[in-house]
Amino acid sequence: MPTLLRFAGLRVVIYPNDHRPAHVHVKGAGGEAVFLLNCPDGPPELRESYGFKLPDLRRIEDALTSELATLCVAWSEHHGDF
């Protein structure tokens, strides 16, 4: 699984054999969350989370929002259409 982004001890990944709609998995710090990217214009939207607190999820969402264009391109490169 390609790591697309690292921040605050977290990894943002896309699974190679994953499904649409475009989304990323955020892993680390004892938690995992899945965010729909809503490509190409966003905003990222939390689909599910295990182990993250609300302030952590807000920081993750902010980081994904700032990297949305890059994440959407990466999704497209691995899976085609959003």
N, C-alpha and C. Protein backbone atom coordinates (compact mmCIF):
# COMPACT_ATOMS: atom_id res chain seq x y z
N MET A 1 0.84 -1.16 0.00
CA MET A 1 0.00 0.00 0.00
C MET A 1 0.89 1.23 0.00
N PRO A 2 0.70 2.10 -0.98
CA PRO A 2 1.54 3.30 -1.07
C PRO A 2 1.21 4.31 0.03
N THR A 3 2.25 4.80 0.68
CA THR A 3 2.09 5.89 1.64
C THR A 3 2.17 7.19 0.86
N LEU A 4 1.11 7.98 0.94
CA LEU A 4 1.03 9.22 0.17
C LEU A 4 1.50 10.42 0.96
N LEU A 5 1.36 10.35 2.27
CA LEU A 5 1.62 11.51 3.10
C LEU A 5 1.94 11.02 4.51
N ARG A 6 2.85 11.72 5.17
CA ARG A 6 3.16 11.46 6.57
C ARG A 6 3.12 12.78 7.32
N PHE A 7 2.47 12.78 8.48
CA PHE A 7 2.46 13.96 9.33
C PHE A 7 2.08 13.54 10.74
N ALA A 8 2.64 14.19 11.72
CA ALA A 8 2.32 13.97 13.13
C ALA A 8 2.31 12.49 13.51
N GLY A 9 3.23 11.71 12.97
CA GLY A 9 3.31 10.30 13.29
C GLY A 9 2.25 9.44 12.61
N LEU A 10 1.55 10.01 11.64
CA LEU A 10 0.48 9.30 10.93
C LEU A 10 0.89 9.03 9.49
N ARG A 11 0.30 7.99 8.90
CA ARG A 11 0.50 7.68 7.49
C ARG A 11 -0.84 7.75 6.77
N VAL A 12 -0.83 8.34 5.59
CA VAL A 12 -2.01 8.38 4.73
C VAL A 12 -1.75 7.44 3.57
N VAL A 13 -2.61 6.43 3.41
CA VAL A 13 -2.37 5.40 2.41
C VAL A 13 -3.61 5.17 1.55
N ILE A 14 -3.34 4.62 0.36
CA ILE A 14 -4.39 4.11 -0.53
C ILE A 14 -4.06 2.63 -0.75
N TYR A 15 -5.05 1.78 -0.56
CA TYR A 15 -4.85 0.36 -0.83
C TYR A 15 -4.89 0.10 -2.33
N PRO A 16 -3.99 -0.73 -2.85
CA PRO A 16 -3.92 -0.97 -4.30
C PRO A 16 -5.19 -1.57 -4.90
N ASN A 17 -5.88 -2.42 -4.18
CA ASN A 17 -7.07 -3.08 -4.72
C ASN A 17 -8.35 -2.53 -4.09
N ASP A 18 -8.36 -1.25 -3.80
CA ASP A 18 -9.49 -0.65 -3.11
C ASP A 18 -10.61 -0.27 -4.08
N HIS A 19 -11.67 0.24 -3.57
CA HIS A 19 -12.90 0.52 -4.32
C HIS A 19 -13.18 2.02 -4.35
N ARG A 20 -14.05 2.41 -5.24
CA ARG A 20 -14.52 3.79 -5.29
C ARG A 20 -15.61 3.97 -4.24
N PRO A 21 -15.89 5.17 -3.81
CA PRO A 21 -15.35 6.45 -4.23
C PRO A 21 -13.94 6.66 -3.67
N ALA A 22 -13.27 7.67 -4.22
CA ALA A 22 -11.90 7.98 -3.81
C ALA A 22 -11.85 8.24 -2.30
N HIS A 23 -10.93 7.56 -1.63
CA HIS A 23 -10.77 7.73 -0.19
C HIS A 23 -9.36 7.33 0.22
N VAL A 24 -8.99 7.73 1.43
CA VAL A 24 -7.69 7.38 1.99
C VAL A 24 -7.89 6.80 3.38
N HIS A 25 -6.91 6.01 3.80
CA HIS A 25 -6.86 5.45 5.14
C HIS A 25 -5.74 6.18 5.88
N VAL A 26 -6.04 6.65 7.07
CA VAL A 26 -5.05 7.34 7.91
C VAL A 26 -4.78 6.42 9.09
N LYS A 27 -3.49 6.07 9.29
CA LYS A 27 -3.12 5.08 10.30
C LYS A 27 -2.03 5.63 11.21
N GLY A 28 -2.11 5.24 12.47
CA GLY A 28 -1.06 5.58 13.41
C GLY A 28 -1.63 6.07 14.73
N ALA A 29 -0.77 6.24 15.71
CA ALA A 29 -1.14 6.74 17.03
C ALA A 29 -2.29 5.94 17.64
N GLY A 30 -2.32 4.63 17.36
CA GLY A 30 -3.34 3.78 17.93
C GLY A 30 -4.71 3.89 17.29
N GLY A 31 -4.78 4.51 16.11
CA GLY A 31 -6.07 4.66 15.46
C GLY A 31 -5.99 4.47 13.96
N GLU A 32 -7.15 4.39 13.37
CA GLU A 32 -7.27 4.35 11.91
C GLU A 32 -8.56 5.07 11.54
N ALA A 33 -8.50 5.85 10.48
CA ALA A 33 -9.68 6.56 9.99
C ALA A 33 -9.71 6.46 8.48
N VAL A 34 -10.91 6.51 7.94
CA VAL A 34 -11.10 6.53 6.49
C VAL A 34 -11.81 7.83 6.15
N PHE A 35 -11.23 8.56 5.20
CA PHE A 35 -11.81 9.81 4.74
C PHE A 35 -12.13 9.71 3.26
N LEU A 36 -13.37 10.02 2.90
CA LEU A 36 -13.73 10.18 1.49
C LEU A 36 -13.10 11.48 1.04
N LEU A 37 -12.51 11.48 -0.16
CA LEU A 37 -11.82 12.68 -0.65
C LEU A 37 -12.76 13.66 -1.34
N ASN A 38 -13.85 13.16 -1.90
CA ASN A 38 -14.76 14.01 -2.67
C ASN A 38 -14.02 14.77 -3.77
N CYS A 39 -13.18 14.04 -4.50
CA CYS A 39 -12.38 14.61 -5.58
C CYS A 39 -13.29 15.13 -6.69
N PRO A 40 -12.87 16.15 -7.37
CA PRO A 40 -11.59 16.85 -7.23
C PRO A 40 -11.62 18.06 -6.30
N ASP A 41 -12.79 18.46 -5.84
CA ASP A 41 -12.90 19.73 -5.12
C ASP A 41 -13.04 19.62 -3.61
N GLY A 42 -13.25 18.40 -3.11
CA GLY A 42 -13.37 18.22 -1.68
C GLY A 42 -14.70 18.76 -1.15
N PRO A 43 -14.79 18.94 0.12
CA PRO A 43 -13.77 18.69 1.14
C PRO A 43 -13.75 17.22 1.55
N PRO A 44 -12.63 16.79 2.14
CA PRO A 44 -12.58 15.43 2.69
C PRO A 44 -13.66 15.26 3.75
N GLU A 45 -14.19 14.05 3.84
CA GLU A 45 -15.29 13.78 4.76
C GLU A 45 -15.02 12.46 5.50
N LEU A 46 -15.10 12.52 6.80
CA LEU A 46 -14.86 11.33 7.62
C LEU A 46 -15.92 10.27 7.32
N ARG A 47 -15.47 9.06 6.99
CA ARG A 47 -16.39 7.95 6.80
C ARG A 47 -16.46 7.07 8.04
N GLU A 48 -15.29 6.79 8.63
CA GLU A 48 -15.24 5.98 9.84
C GLU A 48 -13.92 6.21 10.55
N SER A 49 -13.94 5.96 11.86
CA SER A 49 -12.74 6.15 12.66
C SER A 49 -12.74 5.21 13.84
N TYR A 50 -11.55 4.71 14.16
CA TYR A 50 -11.35 3.85 15.31
C TYR A 50 -10.12 4.35 16.06
N GLY A 51 -10.31 4.78 17.29
CA GLY A 51 -9.18 5.12 18.14
C GLY A 51 -8.72 6.56 18.11
N PHE A 52 -9.22 7.38 17.21
CA PHE A 52 -8.85 8.79 17.18
C PHE A 52 -9.87 9.61 17.96
N LYS A 53 -9.38 10.64 18.63
CA LYS A 53 -10.26 11.59 19.32
C LYS A 53 -10.67 12.69 18.35
N LEU A 54 -11.74 13.38 18.67
CA LEU A 54 -12.27 14.41 17.79
C LEU A 54 -11.23 15.48 17.42
N PRO A 55 -10.43 15.99 18.36
CA PRO A 55 -9.40 16.98 17.96
C PRO A 55 -8.40 16.41 16.95
N ASP A 56 -8.06 15.11 17.11
CA ASP A 56 -7.15 14.46 16.15
C ASP A 56 -7.79 14.41 14.77
N LEU A 57 -9.07 14.06 14.73
CA LEU A 57 -9.77 13.97 13.44
C LEU A 57 -9.84 15.32 12.75
N ARG A 58 -10.00 16.38 13.51
CA ARG A 58 -10.03 17.73 12.92
C ARG A 58 -8.67 18.07 12.32
N ARG A 59 -7.59 17.73 13.02
CA ARG A 59 -6.25 18.00 12.50
C ARG A 59 -5.99 17.17 11.24
N ILE A 60 -6.43 15.93 11.26
CA ILE A 60 -6.27 15.07 10.08
C ILE A 60 -7.04 15.66 8.90
N GLU A 61 -8.28 16.04 9.14
CA GLU A 61 -9.09 16.62 8.06
C GLU A 61 -8.43 17.88 7.49
N ASP A 62 -7.88 18.73 8.35
CA ASP A 62 -7.19 19.93 7.88
C ASP A 62 -5.99 19.57 7.01
N ALA A 63 -5.22 18.57 7.44
CA ALA A 63 -4.04 18.15 6.66
C ALA A 63 -4.47 17.57 5.31
N LEU A 64 -5.52 16.77 5.29
CA LEU A 64 -5.99 16.19 4.03
C LEU A 64 -6.53 17.28 3.10
N THR A 65 -7.21 18.26 3.67
CA THR A 65 -7.73 19.37 2.86
C THR A 65 -6.59 20.12 2.19
N SER A 66 -5.51 20.35 2.92
CA SER A 66 -4.39 21.10 2.34
C SER A 66 -3.66 20.30 1.26
N GLU A 67 -3.78 18.98 1.27
CA GLU A 67 -3.11 18.13 0.29
C GLU A 67 -4.09 17.47 -0.69
N LEU A 68 -5.32 17.98 -0.74
CA LEU A 68 -6.37 17.32 -1.52
C LEU A 68 -6.00 17.10 -2.98
N ALA A 69 -5.45 18.09 -3.64
CA ALA A 69 -5.11 17.94 -5.06
C ALA A 69 -4.12 16.79 -5.26
N THR A 70 -3.11 16.71 -4.43
CA THR A 70 -2.11 15.64 -4.52
C THR A 70 -2.74 14.28 -4.27
N LEU A 71 -3.62 14.21 -3.27
CA LEU A 71 -4.27 12.94 -2.94
C LEU A 71 -5.20 12.48 -4.06
N CYS A 72 -5.90 13.41 -4.68
CA CYS A 72 -6.80 13.06 -5.78
C CYS A 72 -6.01 12.57 -6.99
N VAL A 73 -4.89 13.19 -7.27
CA VAL A 73 -4.03 12.73 -8.37
C VAL A 73 -3.52 11.32 -8.08
N ALA A 74 -3.09 11.08 -6.85
CA ALA A 74 -2.59 9.75 -6.48
C ALA A 74 -3.70 8.71 -6.62
N TRP A 75 -4.91 9.03 -6.17
CA TRP A 75 -6.02 8.08 -6.33
C TRP A 75 -6.22 7.76 -7.80
N SER A 76 -6.24 8.79 -8.63
CA SER A 76 -6.47 8.62 -10.07
C SER A 76 -5.37 7.77 -10.71
N GLU A 77 -4.14 7.95 -10.29
CA GLU A 77 -3.04 7.17 -10.82
C GLU A 77 -3.18 5.69 -10.47
N HIS A 78 -3.71 5.38 -9.30
CA HIS A 78 -3.84 3.99 -8.86
C HIS A 78 -5.15 3.33 -9.30
N HIS A 79 -6.22 4.12 -9.38
CA HIS A 79 -7.54 3.53 -9.58
C HIS A 79 -8.35 4.14 -10.73
N GLY A 80 -7.81 5.12 -11.41
CA GLY A 80 -8.59 5.74 -12.49
C GLY A 80 -9.55 6.78 -11.93
N ASP A 81 -10.78 6.75 -12.45
CA ASP A 81 -11.79 7.74 -12.07
C ASP A 81 -12.02 7.76 -10.57
N PHE A 82 -12.52 8.88 -10.12
CA PHE A 82 -12.79 9.07 -8.70
C PHE A 82 -14.02 8.28 -8.30
